[in-house]
Amino acid sequence: MFNNLKDKIQGKVVKGKKRSGKWRYRRRKHLKKFPRCAVCESKKKLEVHHIIPFSVDPSLELEDSNLVTLCENKKYGCNCHLLIGHLGNYQRTNLTCLQDIDTWHKKIKGDKDDKYL
């Protein structure tokens, strides 16, 4: 209950929208398949981020192709879910989320192929 209230305060849950009864199962299944943050590879404080937000298109809520694992761990001084997934505000949508994940993953992991490092 505390987490639900915290999510509402942070703006993660849109008023008037009700999650599918299958969401908890789908979330658990996704985290089992993808148990690390796509940005920093942390295994702590993981969230399943919707690329196209639930509030924009509820029909994509359970679609594999619309989900990515991001953390709220602050391992590298930031909250990957908030910063990369929501551009610093849970009420925002990052339309280039997947490209940003790839870019920051390479930067954090020191990918030698990245010409800007």
N, C-alpha and C. Protein backbone atom coordinates (compact mmCIF):
# COMPACT_ATOMS: atom_id res chain seq x y z
N MET A 1 0.82 -1.19 0.00
CA MET A 1 0.00 0.00 0.00
C MET A 1 0.86 1.25 0.00
N PHE A 2 1.95 1.24 0.78
CA PHE A 2 2.85 2.40 0.82
C PHE A 2 3.42 2.69 -0.56
N ASN A 3 3.84 1.64 -1.29
CA ASN A 3 4.40 1.83 -2.63
C ASN A 3 3.38 2.42 -3.58
N ASN A 4 2.12 1.98 -3.50
CA ASN A 4 1.07 2.54 -4.35
C ASN A 4 0.89 4.03 -4.09
N LEU A 5 0.88 4.42 -2.82
CA LEU A 5 0.73 5.82 -2.46
C LEU A 5 1.93 6.63 -2.94
N LYS A 6 3.13 6.09 -2.75
CA LYS A 6 4.35 6.76 -3.19
C LYS A 6 4.34 6.96 -4.71
N ASP A 7 3.92 5.92 -5.46
CA ASP A 7 3.84 6.02 -6.92
C ASP A 7 2.86 7.11 -7.35
N LYS A 8 1.73 7.20 -6.67
CA LYS A 8 0.73 8.23 -7.00
C LYS A 8 1.28 9.62 -6.75
N ILE A 9 1.98 9.81 -5.63
CA ILE A 9 2.55 11.11 -5.29
C ILE A 9 3.60 11.51 -6.33
N GLN A 10 4.41 10.57 -6.78
CA GLN A 10 5.46 10.85 -7.76
C GLN A 10 4.91 11.04 -9.17
N GLY A 11 3.63 10.74 -9.38
CA GLY A 11 3.04 10.91 -10.70
C GLY A 11 3.21 9.70 -11.60
N LYS A 12 3.59 8.54 -11.04
CA LYS A 12 3.78 7.33 -11.84
C LYS A 12 2.45 6.70 -12.25
N VAL A 13 1.40 6.94 -11.48
CA VAL A 13 0.10 6.34 -11.76
C VAL A 13 -0.85 7.44 -12.20
N VAL A 14 -1.45 7.25 -13.35
CA VAL A 14 -2.37 8.24 -13.89
C VAL A 14 -3.75 8.04 -13.28
N LYS A 15 -4.33 9.11 -12.81
CA LYS A 15 -5.66 9.03 -12.20
C LYS A 15 -6.68 8.56 -13.23
N GLY A 16 -7.56 7.69 -12.80
CA GLY A 16 -8.63 7.22 -13.68
C GLY A 16 -8.26 6.03 -14.54
N LYS A 17 -7.00 5.64 -14.57
CA LYS A 17 -6.55 4.49 -15.36
C LYS A 17 -6.36 3.31 -14.43
N LYS A 18 -6.91 2.17 -14.79
CA LYS A 18 -6.79 0.97 -13.96
C LYS A 18 -5.95 -0.07 -14.69
N ARG A 19 -4.94 -0.57 -14.01
CA ARG A 19 -4.07 -1.59 -14.58
C ARG A 19 -4.81 -2.89 -14.79
N SER A 20 -4.35 -3.65 -15.76
CA SER A 20 -4.88 -4.98 -16.02
C SER A 20 -4.62 -5.87 -14.82
N GLY A 21 -5.51 -6.81 -14.57
CA GLY A 21 -5.31 -7.79 -13.52
C GLY A 21 -4.11 -8.69 -13.79
N LYS A 22 -3.64 -8.70 -15.03
CA LYS A 22 -2.48 -9.51 -15.42
C LYS A 22 -1.15 -8.77 -15.28
N TRP A 23 -1.20 -7.47 -14.92
CA TRP A 23 0.03 -6.67 -14.89
C TRP A 23 1.06 -7.20 -13.91
N ARG A 24 0.67 -7.56 -12.70
CA ARG A 24 1.64 -8.03 -11.71
C ARG A 24 2.36 -9.29 -12.19
N TYR A 25 1.62 -10.22 -12.80
CA TYR A 25 2.22 -11.43 -13.35
C TYR A 25 3.17 -11.07 -14.50
N ARG A 26 2.73 -10.20 -15.40
CA ARG A 26 3.53 -9.80 -16.55
C ARG A 26 4.82 -9.11 -16.11
N ARG A 27 4.71 -8.25 -15.10
CA ARG A 27 5.86 -7.54 -14.57
C ARG A 27 6.88 -8.53 -13.99
N ARG A 28 6.39 -9.47 -13.19
CA ARG A 28 7.25 -10.49 -12.58
C ARG A 28 7.94 -11.33 -13.66
N LYS A 29 7.19 -11.72 -14.68
CA LYS A 29 7.74 -12.51 -15.79
C LYS A 29 8.83 -11.73 -16.55
N HIS A 30 8.57 -10.45 -16.78
CA HIS A 30 9.55 -9.60 -17.47
C HIS A 30 10.84 -9.48 -16.66
N LEU A 31 10.71 -9.24 -15.35
CA LEU A 31 11.90 -9.09 -14.51
C LEU A 31 12.68 -10.39 -14.38
N LYS A 32 12.00 -11.51 -14.48
CA LYS A 32 12.71 -12.79 -14.45
C LYS A 32 13.53 -12.96 -15.73
N LYS A 33 12.97 -12.54 -16.85
CA LYS A 33 13.67 -12.66 -18.14
C LYS A 33 14.76 -11.59 -18.30
N PHE A 34 14.51 -10.39 -17.76
CA PHE A 34 15.45 -9.27 -17.87
C PHE A 34 15.73 -8.72 -16.46
N PRO A 35 16.60 -9.41 -15.70
CA PRO A 35 16.80 -9.07 -14.28
C PRO A 35 17.81 -7.96 -14.01
N ARG A 36 18.19 -7.21 -15.02
CA ARG A 36 19.15 -6.12 -14.84
C ARG A 36 18.66 -4.86 -15.54
N CYS A 37 19.07 -3.73 -15.00
CA CYS A 37 18.75 -2.44 -15.61
C CYS A 37 19.41 -2.39 -16.99
N ALA A 38 18.65 -1.98 -17.99
CA ALA A 38 19.17 -1.90 -19.36
C ALA A 38 20.23 -0.82 -19.52
N VAL A 39 20.28 0.13 -18.59
CA VAL A 39 21.26 1.21 -18.67
C VAL A 39 22.54 0.84 -17.92
N CYS A 40 22.43 0.56 -16.62
CA CYS A 40 23.63 0.39 -15.78
C CYS A 40 23.86 -1.05 -15.32
N GLU A 41 22.97 -1.96 -15.66
CA GLU A 41 23.04 -3.37 -15.31
C GLU A 41 22.87 -3.66 -13.82
N SER A 42 22.34 -2.71 -13.08
CA SER A 42 22.06 -2.94 -11.66
C SER A 42 20.98 -4.01 -11.52
N LYS A 43 21.03 -4.72 -10.40
CA LYS A 43 20.01 -5.72 -10.08
C LYS A 43 19.11 -5.24 -8.94
N LYS A 44 19.30 -4.01 -8.50
CA LYS A 44 18.57 -3.50 -7.34
C LYS A 44 17.52 -2.47 -7.76
N LYS A 45 16.42 -2.45 -7.02
CA LYS A 45 15.33 -1.49 -7.21
C LYS A 45 14.88 -1.41 -8.67
N LEU A 46 14.58 -2.54 -9.25
CA LEU A 46 14.19 -2.60 -10.66
C LEU A 46 12.72 -2.24 -10.88
N GLU A 47 12.47 -1.57 -11.99
CA GLU A 47 11.12 -1.22 -12.42
C GLU A 47 10.96 -1.66 -13.87
N VAL A 48 9.74 -1.97 -14.25
CA VAL A 48 9.45 -2.28 -15.64
C VAL A 48 8.86 -1.00 -16.24
N HIS A 49 9.60 -0.42 -17.17
CA HIS A 49 9.21 0.85 -17.80
C HIS A 49 8.45 0.58 -19.09
N HIS A 50 7.36 1.31 -19.28
CA HIS A 50 6.61 1.23 -20.54
C HIS A 50 7.18 2.26 -21.50
N ILE A 51 7.64 1.82 -22.65
CA ILE A 51 8.20 2.72 -23.66
C ILE A 51 7.12 3.69 -24.13
N ILE A 52 5.98 3.16 -24.53
CA ILE A 52 4.79 3.98 -24.77
C ILE A 52 4.00 3.89 -23.47
N PRO A 53 3.84 5.00 -22.77
CA PRO A 53 3.23 4.96 -21.45
C PRO A 53 1.82 4.37 -21.43
N PHE A 54 1.52 3.73 -20.33
CA PHE A 54 0.21 3.16 -20.08
C PHE A 54 -0.87 4.23 -20.24
N SER A 55 -0.57 5.44 -19.82
CA SER A 55 -1.55 6.54 -19.90
C SER A 55 -1.84 6.95 -21.34
N VAL A 56 -0.90 6.72 -22.24
CA VAL A 56 -1.08 7.08 -23.65
C VAL A 56 -1.80 5.97 -24.42
N ASP A 57 -1.39 4.71 -24.17
CA ASP A 57 -2.00 3.59 -24.88
C ASP A 57 -2.09 2.37 -23.96
N PRO A 58 -3.17 2.25 -23.20
CA PRO A 58 -3.33 1.13 -22.27
C PRO A 58 -3.28 -0.24 -22.95
N SER A 59 -3.55 -0.30 -24.25
CA SER A 59 -3.53 -1.59 -24.95
C SER A 59 -2.12 -2.18 -25.04
N LEU A 60 -1.09 -1.36 -24.82
CA LEU A 60 0.30 -1.83 -24.88
C LEU A 60 0.86 -2.22 -23.51
N GLU A 61 0.02 -2.16 -22.49
CA GLU A 61 0.47 -2.40 -21.12
C GLU A 61 1.20 -3.73 -20.94
N LEU A 62 0.75 -4.79 -21.60
CA LEU A 62 1.30 -6.13 -21.38
C LEU A 62 2.17 -6.61 -22.54
N GLU A 63 2.44 -5.77 -23.51
CA GLU A 63 3.22 -6.15 -24.70
C GLU A 63 4.72 -6.19 -24.39
N ASP A 64 5.35 -7.32 -24.70
CA ASP A 64 6.80 -7.46 -24.48
C ASP A 64 7.60 -6.34 -25.14
N SER A 65 7.23 -6.00 -26.36
CA SER A 65 7.99 -5.01 -27.12
C SER A 65 7.87 -3.60 -26.55
N ASN A 66 6.97 -3.40 -25.60
CA ASN A 66 6.78 -2.09 -25.01
C ASN A 66 7.39 -1.98 -23.60
N LEU A 67 8.11 -3.01 -23.18
CA LEU A 67 8.64 -3.04 -21.82
C LEU A 67 10.17 -3.07 -21.82
N VAL A 68 10.76 -2.39 -20.85
CA VAL A 68 12.20 -2.42 -20.65
C VAL A 68 12.47 -2.28 -19.15
N THR A 69 13.49 -2.98 -18.67
CA THR A 69 13.86 -2.92 -17.25
C THR A 69 14.78 -1.75 -17.00
N LEU A 70 14.40 -0.89 -16.06
CA LEU A 70 15.22 0.23 -15.63
C LEU A 70 15.23 0.24 -14.10
N CYS A 71 16.28 0.78 -13.51
CA CYS A 71 16.38 0.78 -12.05
C CYS A 71 16.12 2.15 -11.45
N GLU A 72 15.87 2.13 -10.16
CA GLU A 72 15.77 3.36 -9.37
C GLU A 72 16.84 3.30 -8.28
N ASN A 73 17.99 2.77 -8.64
CA ASN A 73 19.06 2.44 -7.71
C ASN A 73 20.02 3.57 -7.40
N LYS A 74 20.19 4.50 -8.30
CA LYS A 74 21.13 5.61 -8.14
C LYS A 74 22.58 5.11 -8.05
N LYS A 75 22.86 3.98 -8.70
CA LYS A 75 24.19 3.37 -8.67
C LYS A 75 25.26 4.34 -9.18
N TYR A 76 24.96 5.04 -10.24
CA TYR A 76 25.92 5.98 -10.82
C TYR A 76 25.50 7.43 -10.55
N GLY A 77 24.81 7.63 -9.44
CA GLY A 77 24.39 8.97 -9.08
C GLY A 77 23.09 9.40 -9.72
N CYS A 78 22.42 8.48 -10.39
CA CYS A 78 21.15 8.83 -11.01
C CYS A 78 20.16 7.68 -10.91
N ASN A 79 18.93 7.98 -11.10
CA ASN A 79 17.84 7.03 -11.11
C ASN A 79 17.54 6.77 -12.59
N CYS A 80 17.95 5.63 -13.13
CA CYS A 80 17.82 5.36 -14.56
C CYS A 80 16.37 5.43 -15.03
N HIS A 81 15.44 4.93 -14.22
CA HIS A 81 14.03 4.96 -14.58
C HIS A 81 13.55 6.40 -14.73
N LEU A 82 13.87 7.23 -13.74
CA LEU A 82 13.44 8.63 -13.78
C LEU A 82 14.18 9.41 -14.87
N LEU A 83 15.50 9.30 -14.90
CA LEU A 83 16.30 10.11 -15.82
C LEU A 83 16.13 9.70 -17.28
N ILE A 84 16.32 8.44 -17.59
CA ILE A 84 16.27 7.97 -18.98
C ILE A 84 14.84 7.67 -19.42
N GLY A 85 14.07 7.02 -18.56
CA GLY A 85 12.71 6.66 -18.94
C GLY A 85 11.75 7.82 -18.97
N HIS A 86 11.98 8.83 -18.10
CA HIS A 86 11.01 9.91 -17.97
C HIS A 86 11.61 11.31 -18.03
N LEU A 87 12.85 11.43 -18.46
CA LEU A 87 13.49 12.73 -18.62
C LEU A 87 13.43 13.60 -17.36
N GLY A 88 13.54 12.92 -16.20
CA GLY A 88 13.60 13.64 -14.94
C GLY A 88 12.26 13.96 -14.30
N ASN A 89 11.16 13.57 -14.94
CA ASN A 89 9.83 13.86 -14.39
C ASN A 89 8.91 12.71 -14.80
N TYR A 90 8.34 12.01 -13.83
CA TYR A 90 7.52 10.83 -14.12
C TYR A 90 6.30 11.15 -14.99
N GLN A 91 5.95 12.40 -15.15
CA GLN A 91 4.82 12.76 -15.99
C GLN A 91 5.23 13.03 -17.44
N ARG A 92 6.51 12.91 -17.73
CA ARG A 92 7.01 13.11 -19.10
C ARG A 92 7.17 11.77 -19.81
N THR A 93 7.21 11.85 -21.13
CA THR A 93 7.43 10.68 -21.97
C THR A 93 8.72 10.91 -22.76
N ASN A 94 9.62 9.93 -22.73
CA ASN A 94 10.85 10.01 -23.51
C ASN A 94 10.65 9.22 -24.80
N LEU A 95 10.42 9.92 -25.89
CA LEU A 95 10.17 9.26 -27.17
C LEU A 95 11.41 8.58 -27.75
N THR A 96 12.59 8.93 -27.24
CA THR A 96 13.83 8.31 -27.71
C THR A 96 14.43 7.42 -26.62
N CYS A 97 13.58 6.87 -25.80
CA CYS A 97 13.98 6.05 -24.66
C CYS A 97 14.97 4.94 -25.05
N LEU A 98 14.66 4.15 -26.06
CA LEU A 98 15.53 3.03 -26.42
C LEU A 98 16.90 3.49 -26.92
N GLN A 99 16.93 4.55 -27.70
CA GLN A 99 18.22 5.10 -28.17
C GLN A 99 19.02 5.65 -26.99
N ASP A 100 18.35 6.33 -26.07
CA ASP A 100 19.03 6.88 -24.90
C ASP A 100 19.57 5.78 -24.00
N ILE A 101 18.82 4.71 -23.85
CA ILE A 101 19.29 3.56 -23.07
C ILE A 101 20.57 3.02 -23.67
N ASP A 102 20.58 2.81 -24.98
CA ASP A 102 21.75 2.29 -25.67
C ASP A 102 22.95 3.22 -25.51
N THR A 103 22.75 4.51 -25.71
CA THR A 103 23.83 5.50 -25.59
C THR A 103 24.43 5.51 -24.18
N TRP A 104 23.57 5.57 -23.16
CA TRP A 104 24.06 5.64 -21.79
C TRP A 104 24.66 4.32 -21.32
N HIS A 105 24.13 3.21 -21.80
CA HIS A 105 24.71 1.92 -21.45
C HIS A 105 26.16 1.86 -21.95
N LYS A 106 26.38 2.29 -23.18
CA LYS A 106 27.73 2.30 -23.75
C LYS A 106 28.64 3.23 -22.97
N LYS A 107 28.15 4.39 -22.59
CA LYS A 107 28.97 5.34 -21.84
C LYS A 107 29.35 4.79 -20.46
N ILE A 108 28.39 4.21 -19.77
CA ILE A 108 28.65 3.68 -18.43
C ILE A 108 29.58 2.48 -18.47
N LYS A 109 29.39 1.63 -19.46
CA LYS A 109 30.20 0.41 -19.55
C LYS A 109 31.51 0.64 -20.31
N GLY A 110 31.73 1.85 -20.82
CA GLY A 110 32.99 2.16 -21.49
C GLY A 110 33.18 1.43 -22.80
N ASP A 111 32.14 1.36 -23.59
CA ASP A 111 32.20 0.68 -24.89
C ASP A 111 33.25 1.35 -25.78
N LYS A 112 34.23 0.58 -26.21
CA LYS A 112 35.34 1.11 -27.01
C LYS A 112 34.90 1.54 -28.41
N ASP A 113 33.73 1.07 -28.84
CA ASP A 113 33.24 1.43 -30.17
C ASP A 113 32.57 2.81 -30.20
N ASP A 114 32.33 3.40 -29.05
CA ASP A 114 31.66 4.70 -29.00
C ASP A 114 32.71 5.78 -29.29
N LYS A 115 32.58 6.44 -30.41
CA LYS A 115 33.59 7.42 -30.85
C LYS A 115 33.66 8.66 -29.95
N TYR A 116 32.67 8.87 -29.09
CA TYR A 116 32.66 10.05 -28.22
C TYR A 116 33.31 9.80 -26.88
N LEU A 117 33.76 8.58 -26.61
CA LEU A 117 34.39 8.29 -25.33
C LEU A 117 35.88 8.50 -25.39
